[in-house]
PDB file of N, CA and C in Angstrom:
ATOM      1  N   MET A   1     131.895  93.140  95.934  1.00  0.00           N
ATOM      2  CA  MET A   1     131.127  92.776  97.346  1.00  0.00           C
ATOM      3  C   MET A   1     130.027  93.766  97.272  1.00  0.00           C
ATOM      4  N   THR A   2     129.042  93.589  97.048  1.00  0.00           N
ATOM      5  CA  THR A   2     127.401  93.802  97.474  1.00  0.00           C
ATOM      6  C   THR A   2     127.054  93.953  99.307  1.00  0.00           C
ATOM      7  N   ARG A   3     126.570  95.273  99.107  1.00  0.00           N
ATOM      8  CA  ARG A   3     126.234  95.689 100.667  1.00  0.00           C
ATOM      9  C   ARG A   3     124.830  95.151 101.382  1.00  0.00           C
ATOM     10  N   ALA A   4     124.702  94.912 102.749  1.00  0.00           N
ATOM     11  CA  ALA A   4     123.395  94.068 102.889  1.00  0.00           C
ATOM     12  C   ALA A   4     122.513  95.038 103.335  1.00  0.00           C
ATOM     13  N   PRO A   5     121.584  94.793 102.759  1.00  0.00           N
ATOM     14  CA  PRO A   5     120.033  96.080 103.449  1.00  0.00           C
ATOM     15  C   PRO A   5     120.004  96.177 105.622  1.00  0.00           C
ATOM     16  N   ALA A   6     119.596  97.456 104.834  1.00  0.00           N
ATOM     17  CA  ALA A   6     119.525  97.876 106.434  1.00  0.00           C
ATOM     18  C   ALA A   6     118.274  97.065 106.975  1.00  0.00           C
ATOM     19  N   ALA A   7     118.895  96.932 108.361  1.00  0.00           N
ATOM     20  CA  ALA A   7     117.762  95.768 109.658  1.00  0.00           C
ATOM     21  C   ALA A   7     117.848  93.879 108.594  1.00  0.00           C
ATOM     22  N   SER A   8     118.328  94.137 107.586  1.00  0.00           N
ATOM     23  CA  SER A   8     118.833  92.569 107.115  1.00  0.00           C
ATOM     24  C   SER A   8     118.981  91.228 108.795  1.00  0.00           C
ATOM     25  N   ARG A   9     118.513  90.261 108.259  1.00  0.00           N
ATOM     26  CA  ARG A   9     118.314  89.858 109.251  1.00  0.00           C
ATOM     27  C   ARG A   9     120.261  88.573 108.644  1.00  0.00           C
ATOM     28  N   VAL A  10     120.640  88.410 110.391  1.00  0.00           N
ATOM     29  CA  VAL A  10     122.188  87.869 110.491  1.00  0.00           C
ATOM     30  C   VAL A  10     122.585  86.753 110.948  1.00  0.00           C
ATOM     31  N   ALA A  11     122.744  85.799 110.363  1.00  0.00           N
ATOM     32  CA  ALA A  11     123.332  84.560 111.432  1.00  0.00           C
ATOM     33  C   ALA A  11     124.399  84.545 111.530  1.00  0.00           C
ATOM     34  N   VAL A  12     124.773  84.170 112.772  1.00  0.00           N
ATOM     35  CA  VAL A  12     126.246  84.518 113.304  1.00  0.00           C
ATOM     36  C   VAL A  12     126.494  82.724 114.197  1.00  0.00           C
ATOM     37  N   LEU A  13     127.350  81.946 112.739  1.00  0.00           N
ATOM     38  CA  LEU A  13     127.870  80.728 112.965  1.00  0.00           C
ATOM     39  C   LEU A  13     129.222  80.706 113.715  1.00  0.00           C
ATOM     40  N   GLY A  14     128.875  79.833 114.816  1.00  0.00           N
ATOM     41  CA  GLY A  14     129.969  79.972 115.768  1.00  0.00           C
ATOM     42  C   GLY A  14     129.963  81.567 117.015  1.00  0.00           C
ATOM     43  N   ALA A  15     128.498  81.983 117.438  1.00  0.00           N
ATOM     44  CA  ALA A  15     128.586  82.928 118.230  1.00  0.00           C
ATOM     45  C   ALA A  15     129.082  82.345 119.929  1.00  0.00           C
ATOM     46  N   SER A  16     130.089  83.378 120.517  1.00  0.00           N
ATOM     47  CA  SER A  16     130.602  83.122 121.526  1.00  0.00           C
ATOM     48  C   SER A  16     129.861  83.345 122.355  1.00  0.00           C
ATOM     49  N   PRO A  17     130.027  83.684 123.956  1.00  0.00           N
ATOM     50  CA  PRO A  17     128.831  84.077 124.967  1.00  0.00           C
ATOM     51  C   PRO A  17     129.750  84.889 125.565  1.00  0.00           C
ATOM     52  N   LYS A  18     131.563  84.432 125.568  1.00  0.00           N
ATOM     53  CA  LYS A  18     131.985  84.827 125.731  1.00  0.00           C
ATOM     54  C   LYS A  18     133.101  86.672 124.948  1.00  0.00           C
ATOM     55  N   GLU A  19     132.682  87.842 125.637  1.00  0.00           N
ATOM     56  CA  GLU A  19     133.006  89.006 125.363  1.00  0.00           C
ATOM     57  C   GLU A  19     134.674  89.908 124.366  1.00  0.00           C
ATOM     58  N   ASP A  20     134.663  87.989 125.126  1.00  0.00           N
ATOM     59  CA  ASP A  20     137.022  89.200 124.060  1.00  0.00           C
ATOM     60  C   ASP A  20     136.727  88.343 122.450  1.00  0.00           C
ATOM     61  N   ARG A  21     135.388  87.931 122.560  1.00  0.00           N
ATOM     62  CA  ARG A  21     135.462  87.134 120.569  1.00  0.00           C
ATOM     63  C   ARG A  21     134.882  87.674 119.715  1.00  0.00           C
ATOM     64  N   TYR A  22     135.735  88.051 119.546  1.00  0.00           N
ATOM     65  CA  TYR A  22     135.353  87.982 118.203  1.00  0.00           C
ATOM     66  C   TYR A  22     133.910  88.023 117.284  1.00  0.00           C
ATOM     67  N   SER A  23     133.757  86.479 117.715  1.00  0.00           N
ATOM     68  CA  SER A  23     132.012  86.395 117.576  1.00  0.00           C
ATOM     69  C   SER A  23     131.285  86.681 118.593  1.00  0.00           C
ATOM     70  N   PHE A  24     131.555  86.770 119.388  1.00  0.00           N
ATOM     71  CA  PHE A  24     130.483  88.459 120.467  1.00  0.00           C
ATOM     72  C   PHE A  24     130.805  89.682 120.110  1.00  0.00           C
ATOM     73  N   LYS A  25     131.274  89.739 119.496  1.00  0.00           N
ATOM     74  CA  LYS A  25     131.392  91.505 119.288  1.00  0.00           C
ATOM     75  C   LYS A  25     130.507  91.627 117.925  1.00  0.00           C
ATOM     76  N   ALA A  26     130.773  90.669 116.920  1.00  0.00           N
ATOM     77  CA  ALA A  26     129.997  90.805 116.178  1.00  0.00           C
ATOM     78  C   ALA A  26     128.841  90.852 116.133  1.00  0.00           C
ATOM     79  N   VAL A  27     128.401  90.270 117.092  1.00  0.00           N
ATOM     80  CA  VAL A  27     126.596  90.067 117.444  1.00  0.00           C
ATOM     81  C   VAL A  27     126.302  91.030 118.096  1.00  0.00           C
ATOM     82  N   ARG A  28     127.085  92.105 118.865  1.00  0.00           N
ATOM     83  CA  ARG A  28     126.958  92.883 119.145  1.00  0.00           C
ATOM     84  C   ARG A  28     127.449  93.961 118.149  1.00  0.00           C
ATOM     85  N   MET A  29     127.926  94.551 117.743  1.00  0.00           N
ATOM     86  CA  MET A  29     128.279  95.577 116.391  1.00  0.00           C
ATOM     87  C   MET A  29     126.900  95.077 115.909  1.00  0.00           C
ATOM     88  N   LEU A  30     126.540  94.510 114.577  1.00  0.00           N
ATOM     89  CA  LEU A  30     125.693  93.781 113.929  1.00  0.00           C
ATOM     90  C   LEU A  30     124.912  95.062 114.491  1.00  0.00           C
ATOM     91  N   LYS A  31     123.989  94.745 115.835  1.00  0.00           N
ATOM     92  CA  LYS A  31     122.721  94.968 116.600  1.00  0.00           C
ATOM     93  C   LYS A  31     123.138  96.911 116.590  1.00  0.00           C
ATOM     94  N   GLU A  32     124.110  96.695 117.252  1.00  0.00           N
ATOM     95  CA  GLU A  32     124.681  98.333 117.040  1.00  0.00           C
ATOM     96  C   GLU A  32     123.894  99.004 115.401  1.00  0.00           C
ATOM     97  N   HIS A  33     124.456  98.115 114.882  1.00  0.00           N
ATOM     98  CA  HIS A  33     124.288  98.797 113.081  1.00  0.00           C
ATOM     99  C   HIS A  33     123.075  99.560 113.100  1.00  0.00           C
ATOM    100  N   GLY A  34     121.777  98.536 113.207  1.00  0.00           N
ATOM    101  CA  GLY A  34     120.866  97.923 113.229  1.00  0.00           C
ATOM    102  C   GLY A  34     120.028  96.504 112.223  1.00  0.00           C
ATOM    103  N   PHE A  35     121.060  96.022 112.995  1.00  0.00           N
ATOM    104  CA  PHE A  35     121.144  94.632 112.037  1.00  0.00           C
ATOM    105  C   PHE A  35     120.710  93.288 112.892  1.00  0.00           C
ATOM    106  N   SER A  36     119.816  92.731 112.285  1.00  0.00           N
ATOM    107  CA  SER A  36     119.037  91.396 113.811  1.00  0.00           C
ATOM    108  C   SER A  36     120.160  89.765 113.026  1.00  0.00           C
ATOM    109  N   PRO A  37     120.892  90.394 114.202  1.00  0.00           N
ATOM    110  CA  PRO A  37     122.001  89.097 114.533  1.00  0.00           C
ATOM    111  C   PRO A  37     121.109  87.615 115.102  1.00  0.00           C
ATOM    112  N   ILE A  38     120.975  87.087 114.536  1.00  0.00           N
ATOM    113  CA  ILE A  38     120.735  85.906 114.673  1.00  0.00           C
ATOM    114  C   ILE A  38     122.179  85.010 115.215  1.00  0.00           C
ATOM    115  N   PRO A  39     122.469  84.641 116.200  1.00  0.00           N
ATOM    116  CA  PRO A  39     123.491  83.322 117.321  1.00  0.00           C
ATOM    117  C   PRO A  39     123.381  82.324 116.626  1.00  0.00           C
ATOM    118  N   VAL A  40     124.711  81.320 116.995  1.00  0.00           N
ATOM    119  CA  VAL A  40     124.079  79.590 116.472  1.00  0.00           C
ATOM    120  C   VAL A  40     125.189  79.508 116.516  1.00  0.00           C
ATOM    121  N   HIS A  41     124.574  78.251 118.010  1.00  0.00           N
ATOM    122  CA  HIS A  41     126.339  77.860 118.402  1.00  0.00           C
ATOM    123  C   HIS A  41     125.215  76.826 119.688  1.00  0.00           C
ATOM    124  N   PRO A  42     125.786  75.311 119.116  1.00  0.00           N
ATOM    125  CA  PRO A  42     125.625  73.594 119.491  1.00  0.00           C
ATOM    126  C   PRO A  42     124.892  74.137 120.349  1.00  0.00           C
ATOM    127  N   ALA A  43     125.426  74.979 121.631  1.00  0.00           N
ATOM    128  CA  ALA A  43     124.940  75.220 123.346  1.00  0.00           C
ATOM    129  C   ALA A  43     123.933  75.769 123.424  1.00  0.00           C
ATOM    130  N   GLY A  44     123.883  76.522 122.731  1.00  0.00           N
ATOM    131  CA  GLY A  44     122.750  77.518 123.350  1.00  0.00           C
ATOM    132  C   GLY A  44     122.237  78.544 124.005  1.00  0.00           C
ATOM    133  N   HIS A  45     123.817  79.580 123.923  1.00  0.00           N
ATOM    134  CA  HIS A  45     124.344  79.989 124.684  1.00  0.00           C
ATOM    135  C   HIS A  45     123.712  81.707 124.614  1.00  0.00           C
ATOM    136  N   ILE A  46     123.925  82.376 126.122  1.00  0.00           N
ATOM    137  CA  ILE A  46     123.365  84.000 125.183  1.00  0.00           C
ATOM    138  C   ILE A  46     124.338  85.236 124.849  1.00  0.00           C
ATOM    139  N   VAL A  47     123.853  85.176 123.628  1.00  0.00           N
ATOM    140  CA  VAL A  47     124.978  85.857 122.998  1.00  0.00           C
ATOM    141  C   VAL A  47     124.127  88.062 123.465  1.00  0.00           C
ATOM    142  N   ASP A  48     124.897  88.469 123.887  1.00  0.00           N
ATOM    143  CA  ASP A  48     124.988  89.899 124.088  1.00  0.00           C
ATOM    144  C   ASP A  48     123.230  89.895 123.981  1.00  0.00           C
ATOM    145  N   GLY A  49     122.540  89.370 125.443  1.00  0.00           N
ATOM    146  CA  GLY A  49     121.642  89.349 124.764  1.00  0.00           C
ATOM    147  C   GLY A  49     120.353  88.465 123.859  1.00  0.00           C
ATOM    148  N   LEU A  50     120.960  87.526 123.696  1.00  0.00           N
ATOM    149  CA  LEU A  50     120.448  87.000 122.190  1.00  0.00           C
ATOM    150  C   LEU A  50     120.564  85.364 122.143  1.00  0.00           C
ATOM    151  N   ARG A  51     119.601  85.269 122.752  1.00  0.00           N
ATOM    152  CA  ARG A  51     120.003  83.037 122.988  1.00  0.00           C
ATOM    153  C   ARG A  51     120.033  82.512 121.689  1.00  0.00           C
ATOM    154  N   SER A  52     121.074  81.753 121.483  1.00  0.00           N
ATOM    155  CA  SER A  52     121.868  81.365 121.000  1.00  0.00           C
ATOM    156  C   SER A  52     121.344  80.317 120.047  1.00  0.00           C
ATOM    157  N   LEU A  53     120.949  79.916 118.456  1.00  0.00           N
ATOM    158  CA  LEU A  53     119.907  79.153 117.935  1.00  0.00           C
ATOM    159  C   LEU A  53     120.422  77.813 117.937  1.00  0.00           C
ATOM    160  N   LYS A  54     120.672  76.693 118.158  1.00  0.00           N
ATOM    161  CA  LYS A  54     121.187  75.169 118.225  1.00  0.00           C
ATOM    162  C   LYS A  54     121.778  75.122 116.792  1.00  0.00           C
ATOM    163  N   SER A  55     121.165  75.466 116.414  1.00  0.00           N
ATOM    164  CA  SER A  55     121.386  74.412 114.305  1.00  0.00           C
ATOM    165  C   SER A  55     121.097  75.928 113.639  1.00  0.00           C
ATOM    166  N   LEU A  56     121.276  75.646 112.439  1.00  0.00           N
ATOM    167  CA  LEU A  56     121.141  76.769 111.603  1.00  0.00           C
ATOM    168  C   LEU A  56     119.531  76.192 110.676  1.00  0.00           C
ATOM    169  N   GLU A  57     119.229  74.926 111.364  1.00  0.00           N
ATOM    170  CA  GLU A  57     118.308  74.600 110.562  1.00  0.00           C
ATOM    171  C   GLU A  57     117.386  75.295 111.260  1.00  0.00           C
ATOM    172  N   GLU A  58     117.218  76.201 112.573  1.00  0.00           N
ATOM    173  CA  GLU A  58     116.509  76.094 113.472  1.00  0.00           C
ATOM    174  C   GLU A  58     116.275  78.214 112.838  1.00  0.00           C
ATOM    175  N   ILE A  59     116.957  78.226 111.756  1.00  0.00           N
ATOM    176  CA  ILE A  59     116.194  79.425 111.797  1.00  0.00           C
ATOM    177  C   ILE A  59     115.299  79.213 110.185  1.00  0.00           C
ATOM    178  N   ALA A  60     114.234  79.682 110.270  1.00  0.00           N
ATOM    179  CA  ALA A  60     113.388  79.955 109.886  1.00  0.00           C
ATOM    180  C   ALA A  60     113.284  80.778 108.453  1.00  0.00           C
ATOM    181  N   ASP A  61     113.113  82.050 108.837  1.00  0.00           N
ATOM    182  CA  ASP A  61     113.103  83.245 108.620  1.00  0.00           C
ATOM    183  C   ASP A  61     113.626  83.443 107.061  1.00  0.00           C
ATOM    184  N   PRO A  62     114.213  83.543 106.353  1.00  0.00           N
ATOM    185  CA  PRO A  62     115.312  83.999 105.544  1.00  0.00           C
ATOM    186  C   PRO A  62     116.528  85.019 106.066  1.00  0.00           C
ATOM    187  N   ILE A  63     117.908  85.179 105.887  1.00  0.00           N
ATOM    188  CA  ILE A  63     118.552  85.557 106.684  1.00  0.00           C
ATOM    189  C   ILE A  63     119.181  86.423 104.870  1.00  0.00           C
ATOM    190  N   ASP A  64     119.813  87.453 105.130  1.00  0.00           N
ATOM    191  CA  ASP A  64     120.926  87.826 104.267  1.00  0.00           C
ATOM    192  C   ASP A  64     122.166  87.165 103.676  1.00  0.00           C
ATOM    193  N   THR A  65     123.191  87.470 105.580  1.00  0.00           N
ATOM    194  CA  THR A  65     124.265  87.168 105.697  1.00  0.00           C
ATOM    195  C   THR A  65     124.737  85.819 106.595  1.00  0.00           C
ATOM    196  N   LEU A  66     125.143  85.257 106.320  1.00  0.00           N
ATOM    197  CA  LEU A  66     125.705  84.035 107.505  1.00  0.00           C
ATOM    198  C   LEU A  66     127.535  85.027 107.194  1.00  0.00           C
ATOM    199  N   THR A  67     127.346  85.081 108.656  1.00  0.00           N
ATOM    200  CA  THR A  67     129.041  85.428 109.001  1.00  0.00           C
ATOM    201  C   THR A  67     129.644  84.448 109.666  1.00  0.00           C
ATOM    202  N   VAL A  68     130.791  83.469 109.491  1.00  0.00           N
ATOM    203  CA  VAL A  68     131.137  81.968 110.046  1.00  0.00           C
ATOM    204  C   VAL A  68     132.656  82.440 110.515  1.00  0.00           C
ATOM    205  N   TYR A  69     132.404  81.989 111.563  1.00  0.00           N
ATOM    206  CA  TYR A  69     133.376  81.974 112.839  1.00  0.00           C
ATOM    207  C   TYR A  69     134.168  80.840 113.240  1.00  0.00           C
ATOM    208  N   VAL A  70     133.743  79.550 112.180  1.00  0.00           N
ATOM    209  CA  VAL A  70     133.984  78.125 112.995  1.00  0.00           C
ATOM    210  C   VAL A  70     135.310  78.091 112.028  1.00  0.00           C
ATOM    211  N   ASN A  71     135.991  76.478 112.112  1.00  0.00           N
ATOM    212  CA  ASN A  71     136.730  76.569 111.868  1.00  0.00           C
ATOM    213  C   ASN A  71     135.973  75.337 110.235  1.00  0.00           C
ATOM    214  N   ALA A  72     136.995  75.009 109.875  1.00  0.00           N
ATOM    215  CA  ALA A  72     136.679  74.274 108.152  1.00  0.00           C
ATOM    216  C   ALA A  72     135.956  73.027 108.271  1.00  0.00           C
ATOM    217  N   SER A  73     136.506  72.084 109.223  1.00  0.00           N
ATOM    218  CA  SER A  73     135.950  70.894 109.326  1.00  0.00           C
ATOM    219  C   SER A  73     134.179  70.854 110.017  1.00  0.00           C
ATOM    220  N   VAL A  74     133.901  72.291 110.951  1.00  0.00           N
ATOM    221  CA  VAL A  74     133.399  72.440 111.407  1.00  0.00           C
ATOM    222  C   VAL A  74     132.081  73.198 109.874  1.00  0.00           C
ATOM    223  N   SER A  75     132.271  73.869 109.663  1.00  0.00           N
ATOM    224  CA  SER A  75     132.036  74.703 108.421  1.00  0.00           C
ATOM    225  C   SER A  75     131.613  73.513 107.061  1.00  0.00           C
ATOM    226  N   SER A  76     132.221  73.156 106.764  1.00  0.00           N
ATOM    227  CA  SER A  76     132.076  71.754 105.947  1.00  0.00           C
ATOM    228  C   SER A  76     131.131  70.656 106.403  1.00  0.00           C
ATOM    229  N   ALA A  77     130.741  70.671 107.580  1.00  0.00           N
ATOM    230  CA  ALA A  77     129.974  69.769 108.056  1.00  0.00           C
ATOM    231  C   ALA A  77     128.707  70.926 107.450  1.00  0.00           C
ATOM    232  N   GLU A  78     128.018  71.781 107.806  1.00  0.00           N
ATOM    233  CA  GLU A  78     126.763  72.592 107.580  1.00  0.00           C
ATOM    234  C   GLU A  78     126.739  72.567 105.662  1.00  0.00           C
ATOM    235  N   LEU A  79     127.589  72.288 105.588  1.00  0.00           N
ATOM    236  CA  LEU A  79     127.080  72.258 104.007  1.00  0.00           C
ATOM    237  C   LEU A  79     125.422  71.786 103.861  1.00  0.00           C
ATOM    238  N   ASP A  80     125.406  70.988 104.443  1.00  0.00           N
ATOM    239  CA  ASP A  80     123.974  70.707 103.513  1.00  0.00           C
ATOM    240  C   ASP A  80     122.711  72.125 104.159  1.00  0.00           C
ATOM    241  N   ARG A  81     122.799  72.266 105.373  1.00  0.00           N
ATOM    242  CA  ARG A  81     122.396  73.143 105.926  1.00  0.00           C
ATOM    243  C   ARG A  81     122.433  74.944 105.529  1.00  0.00           C
ATOM    244  N   ILE A  82     123.441  75.016 105.004  1.00  0.00           N
ATOM    245  CA  ILE A  82     123.238  76.037 104.749  1.00  0.00           C
ATOM    246  C   ILE A  82     122.685  76.894 103.460  1.00  0.00           C
ATOM    247  N   MET A  83     123.285  75.772 102.312  1.00  0.00           N
ATOM    248  CA  MET A  83     121.840  75.375 101.223  1.00  0.00           C
ATOM    249  C   MET A  83     121.013  75.850 100.878  1.00  0.00           C
ATOM    250  N   LYS A  84     120.336  74.750 102.291  1.00  0.00           N
ATOM    251  CA  LYS A  84     118.923  75.138 102.408  1.00  0.00           C
ATOM    252  C   LYS A  84     118.410  76.612 102.622  1.00  0.00           C
ATOM    253  N   LEU A  85     119.355  76.860 103.926  1.00  0.00           N
ATOM    254  CA  LEU A  85     119.051  78.196 104.520  1.00  0.00           C
ATOM    255  C   LEU A  85     118.876  79.148 103.043  1.00  0.00           C
ATOM    256  N   ASN A  86     119.918  79.471 102.277  1.00  0.00           N
ATOM    257  CA  ASN A  86     120.453  79.999 101.204  1.00  0.00           C
ATOM    258  C   ASN A  86     120.547  81.712 101.396  1.00  0.00           C
ATOM    259  N   PRO A  87     121.407  82.074 102.168  1.00  0.00           N
ATOM    260  CA  PRO A  87     121.716  83.717 102.758  1.00  0.00           C
ATOM    261  C   PRO A  87     122.104  84.000 101.079  1.00  0.00           C
ATOM    262  N   ARG A  88     122.457  85.431 100.817  1.00  0.00           N
ATOM    263  CA  ARG A  88     122.404  85.661  99.860  1.00  0.00           C
ATOM    264  C   ARG A  88     123.992  85.223  99.994  1.00  0.00           C
ATOM    265  N   ARG A  89     124.871  86.163 100.962  1.00  0.00           N
ATOM    266  CA  ARG A  89     125.846  86.093 100.590  1.00  0.00           C
ATOM    267  C   ARG A  89     126.563  85.165 101.987  1.00  0.00           C
ATOM    268  N   ALA A  90     127.692  84.866 101.690  1.00  0.00           N
ATOM    269  CA  ALA A  90     128.708  84.312 103.469  1.00  0.00           C
ATOM    270  C   ALA A  90     130.076  85.405 103.409  1.00  0.00           C
ATOM    271  N   ILE A  91     129.929  85.367 104.737  1.00  0.00           N
ATOM    272  CA  ILE A  91     131.429  85.591 104.609  1.00  0.00           C
ATOM    273  C   ILE A  91     132.034  85.295 105.890  1.00  0.00           C
ATOM    274  N   PHE A  92     133.807  84.741 105.371  1.00  0.00           N
ATOM    275  CA  PHE A  92     134.018  84.381 106.010  1.00  0.00           C
ATOM    276  C   PHE A  92     135.558  84.920 107.125  1.00  0.00           C
ATOM    277  N   ASN A  93     135.229  85.027 107.940  1.00  0.00           N
ATOM    278  CA  ASN A  93     135.789  85.786 109.023  1.00  0.00           C
ATOM    279  C   ASN A  93     137.236  85.278 108.752  1.00  0.00           C
ATOM    280  N   PRO A  94     138.597  86.387 109.045  1.00  0.00           N
ATOM    281  CA  PRO A  94     139.868  85.203 109.340  1.00  0.00           C
ATOM    282  C   PRO A  94     140.175  84.153 110.480  1.00  0.00           C
ATOM    283  N   GLY A  95     140.273  82.769 110.138  1.00  0.00           N
ATOM    284  CA  GLY A  95     140.967  82.242 110.595  1.00  0.00           C
ATOM    285  C   GLY A  95     139.479  81.013 110.484  1.00  0.00           C
ATOM    286  N   ALA A  96     138.725  80.790 109.696  1.00  0.00           N
ATOM    287  CA  ALA A  96     137.547  80.840 109.402  1.00  0.00           C
ATOM    288  C   ALA A  96     137.248  79.839 107.873  1.00  0.00           C
ATOM    289  N   GLU A  97     138.167  80.519 107.114  1.00  0.00           N
ATOM    290  CA  GLU A  97     138.504  80.117 105.954  1.00  0.00           C
ATOM    291  C   GLU A  97     138.312  78.678 105.631  1.00  0.00           C
ATOM    292  N   ASN A  98     137.500  78.441 104.204  1.00  0.00           N
ATOM    293  CA  ASN A  98     137.058  76.968 104.069  1.00  0.00           C
ATOM    294  C   ASN A  98     137.443  77.311 102.883  1.00  0.00           C
ATOM    295  N   PRO A  99     137.971  77.029 101.827  1.00  0.00           N
ATOM    296  CA  PRO A  99     137.728  77.234  99.949  1.00  0.00           C
ATOM    297  C   PRO A  99     137.739  76.536  99.644  1.00  0.00           C
ATOM    298  N   GLU A 100     137.439  75.291  99.662  1.00  0.00           N
ATOM    299  CA  GLU A 100     136.523  74.139  99.550  1.00  0.00           C
ATOM    300  C   GLU A 100     134.721  74.397  99.209  1.00  0.00           C
ATOM    301  N   LEU A 101     134.386  74.509 100.749  1.00  0.00           N
ATOM    302  CA  LEU A 101     133.087  74.605 101.115  1.00  0.00           C
ATOM    303  C   LEU A 101     132.461  76.812 100.232  1.00  0.00           C
ATOM    304  N   ALA A 102     133.522  77.901  99.981  1.00  0.00           N
ATOM    305  CA  ALA A 102     133.431  78.766  99.766  1.00  0.00           C
ATOM    306  C   ALA A 102     133.467  78.376  98.229  1.00  0.00           C
ATOM    307  N   GLU A 103     134.008  77.234  97.365  1.00  0.00           N
ATOM    308  CA  GLU A 103     133.435  77.108  96.252  1.00  0.00           C
ATOM    309  C   GLU A 103     132.026  76.629  95.556  1.00  0.00           C
ATOM    310  N   LYS A 104     131.620  75.763  96.508  1.00  0.00           N
ATOM    311  CA  LYS A 104     130.758  74.967  96.460  1.00  0.00           C
ATOM    312  C   LYS A 104     129.262  75.927  96.897  1.00  0.00           C
ATOM    313  N   LEU A 105     129.658  77.336  97.707  1.00  0.00           N
ATOM    314  CA  LEU A 105     128.771  77.574  98.013  1.00  0.00           C
ATOM    315  C   LEU A 105     128.213  79.302  96.529  1.00  0.00           C
ATOM    316  N   ARG A 106     129.902  79.456  96.586  1.00  0.00           N
ATOM    317  CA  ARG A 106     129.908  80.158  94.840  1.00  0.00           C
ATOM    318  C   ARG A 106     128.782  79.452  93.420  1.00  0.00           C
ATOM    319  N   LYS A 107     129.414  78.422  93.795  1.00  0.00           N
ATOM    320  CA  LYS A 107     128.503  77.706  93.001  1.00  0.00           C
ATOM    321  C   LYS A 107     127.126  77.880  92.651  1.00  0.00           C
ATOM    322  N   ALA A 108     126.729  77.396  93.449  1.00  0.00           N
ATOM    323  CA  ALA A 108     125.250  77.652  94.017  1.00  0.00           C
ATOM    324  C   ALA A 108     124.441  79.106  94.252  1.00  0.00           C
ATOM    325  N   GLY A 109     125.307  80.069  93.150  1.00  0.00           N
ATOM    326  CA  GLY A 109     124.698  81.623  93.540  1.00  0.00           C
ATOM    327  C   GLY A 109     124.930  82.770  95.446  1.00  0.00           C
ATOM    328  N   ILE A 110     125.887  81.347  95.690  1.00  0.00           N
ATOM    329  CA  ILE A 110     125.636  82.752  97.083  1.00  0.00           C
ATOM    330  C   ILE A 110     127.149  82.910  96.710  1.00  0.00           C
ATOM    331  N   GLU A 111     127.163  84.768  97.279  1.00  0.00           N
ATOM    332  CA  GLU A 111     128.297  85.659  97.158  1.00  0.00           C
ATOM    333  C   GLU A 111     128.851  85.471  98.279  1.00  0.00           C
ATOM    334  N   VAL A 112     130.263  85.351  97.970  1.00  0.00           N
ATOM    335  CA  VAL A 112     131.172  84.311  99.286  1.00  0.00           C
ATOM    336  C   VAL A 112     132.088  85.595  99.366  1.00  0.00           C
ATOM    337  N   VAL A 113     132.194  85.794 100.712  1.00  0.00           N
ATOM    338  CA  VAL A 113     133.344  87.345 100.883  1.00  0.00           C
ATOM    339  C   VAL A 113     134.642  86.615 102.104  1.00  0.00           C
ATOM    340  N   GLU A 114     135.771  86.799 101.567  1.00  0.00           N
ATOM    341  CA  GLU A 114     136.653  86.145 102.760  1.00  0.00           C
ATOM    342  C   GLU A 114     137.461  87.572 103.746  1.00  0.00           C
ATOM    343  N   ALA A 115     136.753  87.907 104.701  1.00  0.00           N
ATOM    344  CA  ALA A 115     136.747  89.538 105.712  1.00  0.00           C
ATOM    345  C   ALA A 115     136.471  89.123 107.274  1.00  0.00           C
ATOM    346  N   CYS A 116     136.174  90.185 107.157  1.00  0.00           N
ATOM    347  CA  CYS A 116     136.497  90.522 108.739  1.00  0.00           C
ATOM    348  C   CYS A 116     134.887  91.580 109.177  1.00  0.00           C
ATOM    349  N   THR A 117     134.144  90.789 109.167  1.00  0.00           N
ATOM    350  CA  THR A 117     132.405  91.161 109.965  1.00  0.00           C
ATOM    351  C   THR A 117     133.391  92.797 110.355  1.00  0.00           C
ATOM    352  N   LEU A 118     134.145  92.751 111.802  1.00  0.00           N
ATOM    353  CA  LEU A 118     134.431  93.744 111.840  1.00  0.00           C
ATOM    354  C   LEU A 118     134.992  94.946 111.591  1.00  0.00           C
ATOM    355  N   VAL A 119     134.918  95.036 110.632  1.00  0.00           N
ATOM    356  CA  VAL A 119     136.225  96.151 109.888  1.00  0.00           C
ATOM    357  C   VAL A 119     135.238  96.168 108.862  1.00  0.00           C
ATOM    358  N   LEU A 120     134.519  95.478 108.572  1.00  0.00           N
ATOM    359  CA  LEU A 120     133.014  95.918 107.229  1.00  0.00           C
ATOM    360  C   LEU A 120     132.257  96.727 108.247  1.00  0.00           C
ATOM    361  N   LEU A 121     132.023  96.453 109.084  1.00  0.00           N
ATOM    362  CA  LEU A 121     131.097  96.842 109.723  1.00  0.00           C
ATOM    363  C   LEU A 121     131.129  98.469 110.149  1.00  0.00           C
ATOM    364  N   ARG A 122     132.805  98.629 110.724  1.00  0.00           N
ATOM    365  CA  ARG A 122     133.297  99.781 111.385  1.00  0.00           C
ATOM    366  C   ARG A 122     133.711 101.423 109.620  1.00  0.00           C
ATOM    367  N   THR A 123     133.956 100.272 108.827  1.00  0.00           N
ATOM    368  CA  THR A 123     134.824 100.616 107.368  1.00  0.00           C
ATOM    369  C   THR A 123     133.355 101.423 106.182  1.00  0.00           C
ATOM    370  N   GLU A 124     131.719 100.879 107.210  1.00  0.00           N
ATOM    371  CA  GLU A 124     130.885 101.065 106.437  1.00  0.00           C
ATOM    372  C   GLU A 124     130.520 100.557 105.003  1.00  0.00           C
ATOM    373  N   GLN A 125     131.610  98.796 105.094  1.00  0.00           N
ATOM    374  CA  GLN A 125     131.633  98.455 103.059  1.00  0.00           C
ATOM    375  C   GLN A 125     130.149  97.365 104.384  1.00  0.00           C
ATOM    376  N   TYR A 126     129.829  97.003 105.036  1.00  0.00           N
ATOM    377  CA  TYR A 126     129.021  95.520 105.338  1.00  0.00           C
ATOM    378  C   TYR A 126     127.566  95.465 104.517  1.00  0.00           C
TER     379      TYR A 126
END
C-alpha cells in the first residue's frame, strides 16, 4: 500500500452528517491530518463544516484517494463515475467491502485497499 501525498484531495463516498458515524469521523480526521476531504452524499449534507457534493460527477479536479463508506450495491452503481474520476487508490472501509468492484478497479490500475481509513490515519499509514 502506498501512502497519500501530504494535503492531497480525498473523496469520502457516503459521508454522513452524524458525528457518531465513521464516515463523519473520517472527514474530520482527514482535515486534522492536513488532507482535503470532499464529502459525497446524494442529500448534499453539511459534514463537519463542508457541504457534501451530491455525486462523484461533481468532482472537477483530480483526487488522490476515494474512501468508500457505502454498501456494495451502492458502490457497484458508482463504477462508471469512479472510473471517470480515476483516483490513484480506493479504500474500502469495514462494512463497505465489494470484491467485484475492487477487482474492476485493480484491472483499471487503481490501487485497492481494504482497511479502515481512521486506523490508517492514526497509525500514520495513510
